[in-house]
C-alpha atoms as a PDB file:
ATOM      1  CA  MET A   1       0.000   0.000   0.000  1.00  0.00           C
ATOM      2  CA  THR A   2       1.263   3.455  -0.906  1.00  0.00           C
ATOM      3  CA  VAL A   3       0.507   6.522   1.184  1.00  0.00           C
ATOM      4  CA  SER A   4       1.478   9.811  -0.420  1.00  0.00           C
ATOM      5  CA  LYS A   5       4.042  11.950   1.348  1.00  0.00           C
ATOM      6  CA  ARG A   6       1.773  14.992   1.542  1.00  0.00           C
ATOM      7  CA  VAL A   7      -0.797  12.947   3.481  1.00  0.00           C
ATOM      8  CA  LEU A   8       1.592  12.259   6.320  1.00  0.00           C
ATOM      9  CA  LEU A   9       2.821  14.412   9.155  1.00  0.00           C
ATOM     10  CA  GLN A  10       6.254  15.511   8.013  1.00  0.00           C
ATOM     11  CA  LEU A  11       7.618  17.070  11.168  1.00  0.00           C
ATOM     12  CA  GLY A  12      11.296  16.162  11.142  1.00  0.00           C
ATOM     13  CA  CYS A  13      13.075  17.030  14.356  1.00  0.00           C
ATOM     14  CA  ALA A  14      15.734  19.068  12.570  1.00  0.00           C
ATOM     15  CA  ALA A  15      13.098  21.195  10.893  1.00  0.00           C
ATOM     16  CA  ILE A  16      10.988  22.142  13.879  1.00  0.00           C
ATOM     17  CA  VAL A  17      13.367  23.392  16.532  1.00  0.00           C
ATOM     18  CA  ALA A  18      11.602  26.655  17.223  1.00  0.00           C
ATOM     19  CA  LEU A  19      11.668  29.012  20.165  1.00  0.00           C
ATOM     20  CA  ALA A  20       8.626  30.541  21.764  1.00  0.00           C
ATOM     21  CA  PRO A  21       8.297  34.308  21.536  1.00  0.00           C
ATOM     22  CA  LEU A  22       9.192  36.348  24.565  1.00  0.00           C
ATOM     23  CA  PRO A  23       6.291  36.500  26.997  1.00  0.00           C
ATOM     24  CA  SER A  24       4.009  39.467  26.542  1.00  0.00           C
ATOM     25  CA  ALA A  25       3.299  41.981  29.247  1.00  0.00           C
ATOM     26  CA  ALA A  26       1.206  40.713  32.114  1.00  0.00           C
ATOM     27  CA  GLN A  27      -2.470  40.616  31.223  1.00  0.00           C
ATOM     28  CA  GLU A  28      -5.089  42.432  33.264  1.00  0.00           C
ATOM     29  CA  TRP A  29      -7.411  39.426  33.263  1.00  0.00           C
ATOM     30  CA  GLU A  30      -6.713  36.706  35.812  1.00  0.00           C
ATOM     31  CA  PRO A  31      -8.585  33.517  36.706  1.00  0.00           C
ATOM     32  CA  ARG A  32     -11.154  33.907  39.454  1.00  0.00           C
ATOM     33  CA  ARG A  33     -11.432  30.180  40.262  1.00  0.00           C
ATOM     34  CA  PRO A  34      -9.455  26.957  39.745  1.00  0.00           C
ATOM     35  CA  ILE A  35      -8.738  26.197  36.085  1.00  0.00           C
ATOM     36  CA  ASP A  36     -10.277  23.065  34.578  1.00  0.00           C
ATOM     37  CA  PHE A  37      -7.263  21.404  32.915  1.00  0.00           C
ATOM     38  CA  THR A  38      -8.931  18.595  30.949  1.00  0.00           C
ATOM     39  CA  ILE A  39      -6.840  15.777  29.451  1.00  0.00           C
ATOM     40  CA  MET A  40      -8.304  13.897  26.491  1.00  0.00           C
ATOM     41  CA  ALA A  41      -6.680  10.599  27.529  1.00  0.00           C
ATOM     42  CA  GLY A  42      -6.528   8.286  30.524  1.00  0.00           C
ATOM     43  CA  PRO A  43      -4.084   8.339  33.448  1.00  0.00           C
ATOM     44  CA  GLY A  44      -0.419   7.528  32.891  1.00  0.00           C
ATOM     45  CA  GLY A  45      -0.204   8.228  29.174  1.00  0.00           C
ATOM     46  CA  GLY A  46       1.874  10.881  27.457  1.00  0.00           C
ATOM     47  CA  ALA A  47      -0.817  13.577  27.583  1.00  0.00           C
ATOM     48  CA  ASP A  48      -1.457  12.888  31.272  1.00  0.00           C
ATOM     49  CA  GLN A  49       2.252  13.009  32.091  1.00  0.00           C
ATOM     50  CA  ILE A  50       2.664  16.278  30.224  1.00  0.00           C
ATOM     51  CA  ALA A  51      -0.359  17.905  31.872  1.00  0.00           C
ATOM     52  CA  ARG A  52       0.851  17.028  35.345  1.00  0.00           C
ATOM     53  CA  PHE A  53       4.389  18.134  34.573  1.00  0.00           C
ATOM     54  CA  ILE A  54       3.063  21.483  33.309  1.00  0.00           C
ATOM     55  CA  GLN A  55       0.975  21.779  36.471  1.00  0.00           C
ATOM     56  CA  SER A  56       4.091  21.213  38.587  1.00  0.00           C
ATOM     57  CA  VAL A  57       6.086  23.886  36.729  1.00  0.00           C
ATOM     58  CA  ALA A  58       3.262  26.412  37.079  1.00  0.00           C
ATOM     59  CA  GLU A  59       3.009  25.684  40.801  1.00  0.00           C
ATOM     60  CA  GLU A  60       6.764  25.716  41.421  1.00  0.00           C
ATOM     61  CA  TYR A  61       7.122  29.216  39.971  1.00  0.00           C
ATOM     62  CA  ASP A  62       3.748  30.514  41.177  1.00  0.00           C
ATOM     63  CA  MET A  63       2.762  31.324  37.584  1.00  0.00           C
ATOM     64  CA  THR A  64      -1.001  31.351  38.181  1.00  0.00           C
ATOM     65  CA  ASN A  65      -3.135  32.889  40.897  1.00  0.00           C
ATOM     66  CA  ARG A  66      -5.488  29.898  40.682  1.00  0.00           C
ATOM     67  CA  PRO A  67      -4.380  26.275  40.306  1.00  0.00           C
ATOM     68  CA  LEU A  68      -4.482  24.138  37.190  1.00  0.00           C
ATOM     69  CA  VAL A  69      -6.646  21.124  38.099  1.00  0.00           C
ATOM     70  CA  PRO A  70      -5.978  18.152  35.783  1.00  0.00           C
ATOM     71  CA  SER A  71      -8.862  15.786  35.031  1.00  0.00           C
ATOM     72  CA  ASN A  72      -8.729  12.756  32.739  1.00  0.00           C
ATOM     73  CA  ARG A  73     -11.548  12.368  30.228  1.00  0.00           C
ATOM     74  CA  GLY A  74     -10.322   9.748  27.773  1.00  0.00           C
ATOM     75  CA  GLY A  75     -13.596   7.993  27.005  1.00  0.00           C
ATOM     76  CA  GLY A  76     -14.585   7.475  23.388  1.00  0.00           C
ATOM     77  CA  SER A  77     -11.075   8.164  22.069  1.00  0.00           C
ATOM     78  CA  GLY A  78     -11.175  11.616  23.642  1.00  0.00           C
ATOM     79  CA  ALA A  79     -14.799  12.332  22.692  1.00  0.00           C
ATOM     80  CA  GLU A  80     -15.658  12.723  26.378  1.00  0.00           C
ATOM     81  CA  ALA A  81     -13.090  15.505  26.717  1.00  0.00           C
ATOM     82  CA  LEU A  82     -14.099  17.269  23.513  1.00  0.00           C
ATOM     83  CA  ILE A  83     -17.772  17.310  24.506  1.00  0.00           C
ATOM     84  CA  HIS A  84     -16.939  18.488  28.015  1.00  0.00           C
ATOM     85  CA  VAL A  85     -14.813  21.399  26.799  1.00  0.00           C
ATOM     86  CA  ALA A  86     -17.069  22.301  23.860  1.00  0.00           C
ATOM     87  CA  ASN A  87     -19.978  22.651  26.285  1.00  0.00           C
ATOM     88  CA  ALA A  88     -18.040  24.309  29.112  1.00  0.00           C
ATOM     89  CA  SER A  89     -20.234  26.557  31.237  1.00  0.00           C
ATOM     90  CA  ASP A  90     -17.196  28.719  32.022  1.00  0.00           C
ATOM     91  CA  PRO A  91     -15.009  28.893  28.888  1.00  0.00           C
ATOM     92  CA  ASP A  92     -12.555  31.316  30.495  1.00  0.00           C
ATOM     93  CA  HIS A  93     -11.599  28.684  33.059  1.00  0.00           C
ATOM     94  CA  THR A  94     -11.522  25.593  30.804  1.00  0.00           C
ATOM     95  CA  ILE A  95      -8.504  24.406  28.823  1.00  0.00           C
ATOM     96  CA  LEU A  96      -7.685  21.090  27.147  1.00  0.00           C
ATOM     97  CA  VAL A  97      -4.495  19.063  26.625  1.00  0.00           C
ATOM     98  CA  THR A  98      -4.771  17.560  23.145  1.00  0.00           C
ATOM     99  CA  LEU A  99      -3.363  14.703  21.098  1.00  0.00           C
ATOM    100  CA  ASN A 100      -3.909  13.934  17.421  1.00  0.00           C
ATOM    101  CA  SER A 101      -7.305  12.571  18.480  1.00  0.00           C
ATOM    102  CA  PHE A 102      -8.211  16.276  18.479  1.00  0.00           C
ATOM    103  CA  PHE A 103      -8.259  15.767  14.698  1.00  0.00           C
ATOM    104  CA  THR A 104      -9.231  12.101  14.284  1.00  0.00           C
ATOM    105  CA  THR A 105     -12.080  11.748  16.790  1.00  0.00           C
ATOM    106  CA  PRO A 106     -14.299  14.457  15.218  1.00  0.00           C
ATOM    107  CA  LEU A 107     -13.570  12.918  11.804  1.00  0.00           C
ATOM    108  CA  ARG A 108     -14.505   9.392  12.909  1.00  0.00           C
ATOM    109  CA  GLN A 109     -17.426  10.465  15.116  1.00  0.00           C
ATOM    110  CA  SER A 110     -19.154  13.155  13.082  1.00  0.00           C
ATOM    111  CA  GLU A 111     -22.292  12.728  15.186  1.00  0.00           C
ATOM    112  CA  LEU A 112     -20.485  14.575  17.991  1.00  0.00           C
ATOM    113  CA  GLY A 113     -20.893  17.814  16.072  1.00  0.00           C
ATOM    114  CA  ILE A 114     -17.423  18.980  17.134  1.00  0.00           C
ATOM    115  CA  ASP A 115     -15.796  21.717  15.039  1.00  0.00           C
ATOM    116  CA  ILE A 116     -12.252  22.087  16.319  1.00  0.00           C
ATOM    117  CA  GLN A 117     -11.905  25.503  14.674  1.00  0.00           C
ATOM    118  CA  THR A 118     -14.304  26.858  17.321  1.00  0.00           C
ATOM    119  CA  PHE A 119     -11.759  26.034  20.036  1.00  0.00           C
ATOM    120  CA  THR A 120      -9.301  28.687  21.180  1.00  0.00           C
ATOM    121  CA  PRO A 121      -5.596  28.316  20.293  1.00  0.00           C
ATOM    122  CA  VAL A 122      -3.342  28.484  23.348  1.00  0.00           C
ATOM    123  CA  ALA A 123      -0.002  26.728  22.811  1.00  0.00           C
ATOM    124  CA  MET A 124       1.750  24.055  20.792  1.00  0.00           C
ATOM    125  CA  MET A 125       4.264  22.577  23.228  1.00  0.00           C
ATOM    126  CA  GLY A 126       5.997  19.977  21.023  1.00  0.00           C
ATOM    127  CA  VAL A 127       5.458  16.774  19.074  1.00  0.00           C
ATOM    128  CA  ASP A 128       5.998  13.185  20.182  1.00  0.00           C
ATOM    129  CA  PRO A 129       7.276  10.317  17.988  1.00  0.00           C
ATOM    130  CA  PHE A 130       6.170   6.693  18.177  1.00  0.00           C
ATOM    131  CA  VAL A 131       8.275   3.592  18.839  1.00  0.00           C
ATOM    132  CA  LEU A 132       7.438  -0.109  18.513  1.00  0.00           C
ATOM    133  CA  TRP A 133       8.080  -1.959  21.793  1.00  0.00           C
ATOM    134  CA  VAL A 134       8.086  -5.613  22.874  1.00  0.00           C
ATOM    135  CA  HIS A 135       8.691  -7.181  26.254  1.00  0.00           C
ATOM    136  CA  THR A 136      12.235  -8.318  26.988  1.00  0.00           C
ATOM    137  CA  GLU A 137      11.036 -11.834  27.783  1.00  0.00           C
ATOM    138  CA  SER A 138       9.616 -12.191  24.264  1.00  0.00           C
ATOM    139  CA  GLY A 139      13.163 -12.821  23.060  1.00  0.00           C
ATOM    140  CA  ILE A 140      12.572 -10.481  20.114  1.00  0.00           C
ATOM    141  CA  THR A 141      15.444  -8.037  19.612  1.00  0.00           C
ATOM    142  CA  THR A 142      15.020  -6.885  15.990  1.00  0.00           C
ATOM    143  CA  PHE A 143      12.187  -5.728  13.773  1.00  0.00           C
ATOM    144  CA  ASP A 144      12.826  -8.633  11.373  1.00  0.00           C
ATOM    145  CA  GLN A 145      12.253 -11.050  14.240  1.00  0.00           C
ATOM    146  CA  PHE A 146       9.057  -9.188  15.142  1.00  0.00           C
ATOM    147  CA  VAL A 147       7.715  -9.513  11.594  1.00  0.00           C
ATOM    148  CA  GLU A 148       8.583 -13.204  11.503  1.00  0.00           C
ATOM    149  CA  GLN A 149       6.872 -13.819  14.848  1.00  0.00           C
ATOM    150  CA  VAL A 150       3.684 -11.960  13.920  1.00  0.00           C
ATOM    151  CA  GLN A 151       3.387 -13.691  10.569  1.00  0.00           C
ATOM    152  CA  SER A 152       3.877 -17.109  12.173  1.00  0.00           C
ATOM    153  CA  MET A 153       0.948 -16.570  14.574  1.00  0.00           C
ATOM    154  CA  ASN A 154      -1.761 -16.117  11.911  1.00  0.00           C
ATOM    155  CA  GLY A 155      -3.731 -13.374  13.642  1.00  0.00           C
ATOM    156  CA  GLU A 156      -3.048 -14.425  17.223  1.00  0.00           C
ATOM    157  CA  PHE A 157      -0.358 -11.807  17.898  1.00  0.00           C
ATOM    158  CA  VAL A 158      -1.885  -9.257  20.282  1.00  0.00           C
ATOM    159  CA  MET A 159      -1.056  -5.553  20.361  1.00  0.00           C
ATOM    160  CA  GLY A 160      -2.634  -2.907  22.547  1.00  0.00           C
ATOM    161  CA  GLY A 161      -3.459   0.674  21.648  1.00  0.00           C
ATOM    162  CA  THR A 162      -5.719   3.589  22.423  1.00  0.00           C
ATOM    163  CA  GLY A 163      -8.504   2.697  19.982  1.00  0.00           C
ATOM    164  CA  ALA A 164      -9.412   2.462  16.319  1.00  0.00           C
ATOM    165  CA  GLY A 165      -8.465   5.601  14.435  1.00  0.00           C
ATOM    166  CA  GLN A 166      -6.233   6.749  17.261  1.00  0.00           C
ATOM    167  CA  GLU A 167      -2.610   7.712  16.765  1.00  0.00           C
ATOM    168  CA  ASP A 168      -1.058   4.340  17.515  1.00  0.00           C
ATOM    169  CA  SER A 169      -3.677   2.486  15.475  1.00  0.00           C
ATOM    170  CA  ILE A 170      -2.754   4.606  12.449  1.00  0.00           C
ATOM    171  CA  VAL A 171       0.881   3.631  12.896  1.00  0.00           C
ATOM    172  CA  ILE A 172       0.007  -0.053  13.406  1.00  0.00           C
ATOM    173  CA  ALA A 173      -2.291  -0.037  10.369  1.00  0.00           C
ATOM    174  CA  PHE A 174       0.475   1.356   8.166  1.00  0.00           C
ATOM    175  CA  MET A 175       3.025  -1.142   9.506  1.00  0.00           C
ATOM    176  CA  SER A 176       0.576  -4.030   9.103  1.00  0.00           C
ATOM    177  CA  ALA A 177      -0.160  -3.133   5.496  1.00  0.00           C
ATOM    178  CA  ALA A 178       3.511  -2.611   4.644  1.00  0.00           C
ATOM    179  CA  TYR A 179       4.584  -5.990   6.059  1.00  0.00           C
ATOM    180  CA  ASP A 180       1.414  -8.064   5.571  1.00  0.00           C
ATOM    181  CA  LEU A 181       0.836  -8.484   9.303  1.00  0.00           C
ATOM    182  CA  ASP A 182      -2.380  -9.837  10.827  1.00  0.00           C
ATOM    183  CA  ILE A 183      -2.534  -8.305  14.310  1.00  0.00           C
ATOM    184  CA  ASN A 184      -5.186  -8.712  17.010  1.00  0.00           C
ATOM    185  CA  TYR A 185      -5.613  -5.106  18.231  1.00  0.00           C
ATOM    186  CA  ILE A 186      -6.977  -4.485  21.752  1.00  0.00           C
ATOM    187  CA  PRO A 187      -8.224  -0.926  22.556  1.00  0.00           C
ATOM    188  CA  TYR A 188      -7.473   0.864  25.836  1.00  0.00           C
ATOM    189  CA  ASP A 189      -8.416   4.246  27.284  1.00  0.00           C
ATOM    190  CA  GLY A 190      -4.863   5.598  27.264  1.00  0.00           C
ATOM    191  CA  GLY A 191      -1.222   4.949  26.500  1.00  0.00           C
ATOM    192  CA  GLY A 192      -0.373   4.481  30.163  1.00  0.00           C
ATOM    193  CA  ALA A 193      -2.659   1.466  30.455  1.00  0.00           C
ATOM    194  CA  VAL A 194      -1.242   0.076  27.208  1.00  0.00           C
ATOM    195  CA  ALA A 195       2.325   0.304  28.510  1.00  0.00           C
ATOM    196  CA  ARG A 196       1.401  -1.245  31.851  1.00  0.00           C
ATOM    197  CA  ASP A 197      -0.227  -4.238  30.179  1.00  0.00           C
ATOM    198  CA  LEU A 198       2.822  -4.811  27.998  1.00  0.00           C
ATOM    199  CA  ALA A 199       4.927  -4.730  31.164  1.00  0.00           C
ATOM    200  CA  GLY A 200       2.564  -7.328  32.641  1.00  0.00           C
ATOM    201  CA  GLN A 201       2.706  -9.315  29.380  1.00  0.00           C
ATOM    202  CA  GLN A 202      -1.051  -9.142  28.908  1.00  0.00           C
ATOM    203  CA  ILE A 203      -0.292  -8.017  25.342  1.00  0.00           C
ATOM    204  CA  MET A 204       2.690  -8.765  23.113  1.00  0.00           C
ATOM    205  CA  ALA A 205       3.690  -5.380  21.678  1.00  0.00           C
ATOM    206  CA  THR A 206       2.746  -1.713  21.652  1.00  0.00           C
ATOM    207  CA  VAL A 207       3.376   1.447  19.719  1.00  0.00           C
ATOM    208  CA  ASN A 208       3.923   3.902  22.575  1.00  0.00           C
ATOM    209  CA  ASN A 209       5.492   7.325  22.791  1.00  0.00           C
ATOM    210  CA  PRO A 210       8.947   7.229  24.443  1.00  0.00           C
ATOM    211  CA  ALA A 211       7.689   9.003  27.578  1.00  0.00           C
ATOM    212  CA  GLU A 212       5.034   6.335  28.133  1.00  0.00           C
ATOM    213  CA  ALA A 213       7.536   3.483  27.850  1.00  0.00           C
ATOM    214  CA  LYS A 214      10.621   5.132  29.331  1.00  0.00           C
ATOM    215  CA  GLY A 215      10.303   3.803  32.875  1.00  0.00           C
ATOM    216  CA  PHE A 216       9.755   0.238  31.702  1.00  0.00           C
ATOM    217  CA  TYR A 217      12.636   0.531  29.228  1.00  0.00           C
ATOM    218  CA  GLU A 218      14.982   1.815  31.924  1.00  0.00           C
ATOM    219  CA  ALA A 219      13.878  -1.056  34.194  1.00  0.00           C
ATOM    220  CA  GLY A 220      14.872  -3.506  31.476  1.00  0.00           C
ATOM    221  CA  ASP A 221      11.320  -4.654  30.684  1.00  0.00           C
ATOM    222  CA  PHE A 222      10.922  -3.179  27.185  1.00  0.00           C
ATOM    223  CA  VAL A 223      12.917  -3.519  23.972  1.00  0.00           C
ATOM    224  CA  PRO A 224      12.519  -0.797  21.289  1.00  0.00           C
ATOM    225  CA  LEU A 225      12.487  -2.211  17.762  1.00  0.00           C
ATOM    226  CA  LEU A 226      11.496   0.550  15.333  1.00  0.00           C
ATOM    227  CA  ALA A 227      10.972   4.321  15.389  1.00  0.00           C
ATOM    228  CA  PHE A 228       8.313   6.048  13.286  1.00  0.00           C
ATOM    229  CA  SER A 229      10.272   9.300  13.140  1.00  0.00           C
ATOM    230  CA  ASP A 230      12.149  11.060  10.362  1.00  0.00           C
ATOM    231  CA  GLU A 231      15.505  10.409  12.006  1.00  0.00           C
ATOM    232  CA  ARG A 232      16.819   8.070  14.699  1.00  0.00           C
ATOM    233  CA  LEU A 233      15.979   9.246  18.191  1.00  0.00           C
ATOM    234  CA  PRO A 234      18.999  10.348  20.281  1.00  0.00           C
ATOM    235  CA  ALA A 235      17.757   8.297  23.242  1.00  0.00           C
ATOM    236  CA  TYR A 236      17.633   5.150  21.083  1.00  0.00           C
ATOM    237  CA  PRO A 237      20.485   5.540  18.587  1.00  0.00           C
ATOM    238  CA  ASP A 238      20.557   1.838  17.671  1.00  0.00           C
ATOM    239  CA  VAL A 239      16.858   1.703  16.791  1.00  0.00           C
ATOM    240  CA  PRO A 240      16.207   2.095  13.046  1.00  0.00           C
ATOM    241  CA  THR A 241      13.411   4.190  11.587  1.00  0.00           C
ATOM    242  CA  ILE A 242      10.809   2.808   9.238  1.00  0.00           C
ATOM    243  CA  ARG A 243      12.161   5.259   6.673  1.00  0.00           C
ATOM    244  CA  GLU A 244      15.491   3.436   6.773  1.00  0.00           C
ATOM    245  CA  LEU A 245      13.603   0.294   5.794  1.00  0.00           C
ATOM    246  CA  GLY A 246      12.343   1.989   2.646  1.00  0.00           C
ATOM    247  CA  HIS A 247       8.939   3.343   3.675  1.00  0.00           C
ATOM    248  CA  ASP A 248       8.099   7.034   3.212  1.00  0.00           C
ATOM    249  CA  PHE A 249       6.338   7.310   6.548  1.00  0.00           C
ATOM    250  CA  SER A 250       6.685   9.154   9.828  1.00  0.00           C
ATOM    251  CA  TYR A 251       4.095  10.082  12.395  1.00  0.00           C
ATOM    252  CA  TYR A 252       4.130  12.424  15.388  1.00  0.00           C
ATOM    253  CA  ASN A 253       1.622  13.150  18.149  1.00  0.00           C
ATOM    254  CA  GLN A 254       0.928  16.791  18.900  1.00  0.00           C
ATOM    255  CA  ARG A 255       1.264  17.956  22.490  1.00  0.00           C
ATOM    256  CA  ALA A 256      -0.829  21.104  22.572  1.00  0.00           C
ATOM    257  CA  VAL A 257      -3.167  23.101  24.779  1.00  0.00           C
ATOM    258  CA  VAL A 258      -6.396  24.684  23.550  1.00  0.00           C
ATOM    259  CA  GLY A 259      -9.090  26.729  25.201  1.00  0.00           C
ATOM    260  CA  ALA A 260     -12.833  26.190  25.189  1.00  0.00           C
ATOM    261  CA  PRO A 261     -14.979  27.681  22.427  1.00  0.00           C
ATOM    262  CA  GLY A 262     -16.216  31.110  23.451  1.00  0.00           C
ATOM    263  CA  MET A 263     -13.185  31.935  25.592  1.00  0.00           C
ATOM    264  CA  SER A 264     -12.722  35.696  25.885  1.00  0.00           C
ATOM    265  CA  ASP A 265      -9.800  37.382  24.172  1.00  0.00           C
ATOM    266  CA  GLU A 266      -8.493  38.484  27.559  1.00  0.00           C
ATOM    267  CA  ALA A 267      -8.490  34.947  28.955  1.00  0.00           C
ATOM    268  CA  ALA A 268      -6.921  33.584  25.774  1.00  0.00           C
ATOM    269  CA  ALA A 269      -4.119  36.138  26.053  1.00  0.00           C
ATOM    270  CA  TYR A 270      -3.579  35.150  29.697  1.00  0.00           C
ATOM    271  CA  TYR A 271      -3.199  31.440  28.877  1.00  0.00           C
ATOM    272  CA  GLN A 272      -1.074  32.111  25.790  1.00  0.00           C
ATOM    273  CA  ASP A 273       1.299  34.145  27.948  1.00  0.00           C
ATOM    274  CA  LEU A 274       1.279  31.493  30.699  1.00  0.00           C
ATOM    275  CA  PHE A 275       2.167  28.645  28.350  1.00  0.00           C
ATOM    276  CA  ALA A 276       4.779  30.702  26.527  1.00  0.00           C
ATOM    277  CA  ARG A 277       6.538  31.136  29.868  1.00  0.00           C
ATOM    278  CA  ILE A 278       6.203  27.437  30.665  1.00  0.00           C
ATOM    279  CA  TYR A 279       7.537  26.543  27.209  1.00  0.00           C
ATOM    280  CA  GLN A 280      10.605  28.737  27.715  1.00  0.00           C
ATOM    281  CA  SER A 281      11.321  27.417  31.194  1.00  0.00           C
ATOM    282  CA  GLU A 282      14.434  25.356  31.733  1.00  0.00           C
ATOM    283  CA  GLU A 283      12.224  22.607  33.135  1.00  0.00           C
ATOM    284  CA  TRP A 284      10.125  22.284  29.970  1.00  0.00           C
ATOM    285  CA  GLN A 285      13.126  22.432  27.649  1.00  0.00           C
ATOM    286  CA  SER A 286      14.781  19.702  29.715  1.00  0.00           C
ATOM    287  CA  TYR A 287      11.558  17.667  29.634  1.00  0.00           C
ATOM    288  CA  LEU A 288      11.473  17.855  25.835  1.00  0.00           C
ATOM    289  CA  GLU A 289      14.974  16.443  25.674  1.00  0.00           C
ATOM    290  CA  SER A 290      14.617  13.779  28.349  1.00  0.00           C
ATOM    291  CA  GLU A 291      11.307  12.451  26.993  1.00  0.00           C
ATOM    292  CA  SER A 292      12.362  12.503  23.306  1.00  0.00           C
ATOM    293  CA  LEU A 293       9.838  15.161  22.294  1.00  0.00           C
ATOM    294  CA  ALA A 294      10.703  17.535  19.475  1.00  0.00           C
ATOM    295  CA  PRO A 295      10.175  21.246  20.244  1.00  0.00           C
ATOM    296  CA  LEU A 296       7.565  23.055  18.198  1.00  0.00           C
ATOM    297  CA  TRP A 297       6.085  26.457  18.988  1.00  0.00           C
ATOM    298  CA  MET A 298       3.234  28.143  17.129  1.00  0.00           C
ATOM    299  CA  ASP A 299       1.313  31.350  17.688  1.00  0.00           C
ATOM    300  CA  ALA A 300      -2.490  31.374  17.541  1.00  0.00           C
ATOM    301  CA  ASP A 301      -2.759  32.000  13.784  1.00  0.00           C
ATOM    302  CA  GLU A 302      -0.185  29.296  13.035  1.00  0.00           C
ATOM    303  CA  GLN A 303      -2.091  26.850  15.215  1.00  0.00           C
ATOM    304  CA  ARG A 304      -5.378  27.417  13.378  1.00  0.00           C
ATOM    305  CA  ALA A 305      -3.646  26.887  10.035  1.00  0.00           C
ATOM    306  CA  TYR A 306      -1.980  23.763  11.428  1.00  0.00           C
ATOM    307  CA  TRP A 307      -5.343  22.409  12.600  1.00  0.00           C
ATOM    308  CA  ALA A 308      -6.859  22.838   9.146  1.00  0.00           C
ATOM    309  CA  THR A 309      -3.894  21.107   7.508  1.00  0.00           C
ATOM    310  CA  GLN A 310      -3.900  18.213   9.945  1.00  0.00           C
ATOM    311  CA  VAL A 311      -7.640  17.618   9.629  1.00  0.00           C
ATOM    312  CA  GLU A 312      -7.200  17.167   5.884  1.00  0.00           C
ATOM    313  CA  ASN A 313      -4.033  15.083   6.339  1.00  0.00           C
ATOM    314  CA  HIS A 314      -5.787  12.781   8.785  1.00  0.00           C
ATOM    315  CA  ARG A 315      -8.930  12.561   6.667  1.00  0.00           C
ATOM    316  CA  GLU A 316      -6.851  11.293   3.749  1.00  0.00           C
ATOM    317  CA  LEU A 317      -4.654   9.115   5.957  1.00  0.00           C
ATOM    318  CA  LEU A 318      -7.608   7.398   7.637  1.00  0.00           C
ATOM    319  CA  GLU A 319      -9.207   6.765   4.257  1.00  0.00           C
ATOM    320  CA  ALA A 320      -5.965   5.405   2.803  1.00  0.00           C
ATOM    321  CA  LEU A 321      -5.530   3.029   5.736  1.00  0.00           C
ATOM    322  CA  GLY A 322      -9.160   1.965   5.757  1.00  0.00           C
ATOM    323  CA  GLU A 323      -9.787   3.373   9.234  1.00  0.00           C
END
């Protein structure tokens, strides 16, 4: 199966090292109550980790006069979160940590009536690559061995992911088509649960972001086999990319924050300033490096243009992969 290059997310690490603008002057508007910091994924996954890390940076430096209060709403591939934020009774105090399901879930569940262009751009914090992982006790140490094992099991090889049409399922669908793999795919509510079940050997492989698998890898439980990035990841220099194997494919997960539809301009400016300062902090820059995220900053206009492009990219990609 061929997927055209323009359909895919071409966000090579070398091309997207961008710095956030200097923070603007302090805004007059300030939150009057705790801030609903909704996460469109379950506990323990990449989005959850990022949200709670951001919360810790904001608290450490007393960046907000009211706390960010994370809440996980991963049901329905993030539909629960999108509905919650789209219908927020207090848009000025409601923000959302997004993944690429921000694009795919409204496409796959049109009955939700979600138009992402009505949401308020806040900050693009970076993009996250995907890596194929197996458990150490599987005995698999190379991608060739993985392909051989999957093909020998005739549909009984079990992988976990965050649901049909989700980021990892797109990656798995491409890999399966490219190598004629018949995989039994089990959906979960978030990447954290997927990684934990691979660690417990309830499933046989995953396509997780590095941050979600890092602890298990460092403990010696996981083996990385293949990266779906444009270039090899510095943290895993011996792991080849699928591009090296001759496939014009890479895929990254956005790590972004958006505001509720109907958010006031004053509140939007407040959050844009807040997340610009968090982005520039030494802690966030170190987090990007340690968790293998690629930096990517966009202003509000750039984010809206990016959303439109990614909706069309994902529409074509889902159709091409039969999702």
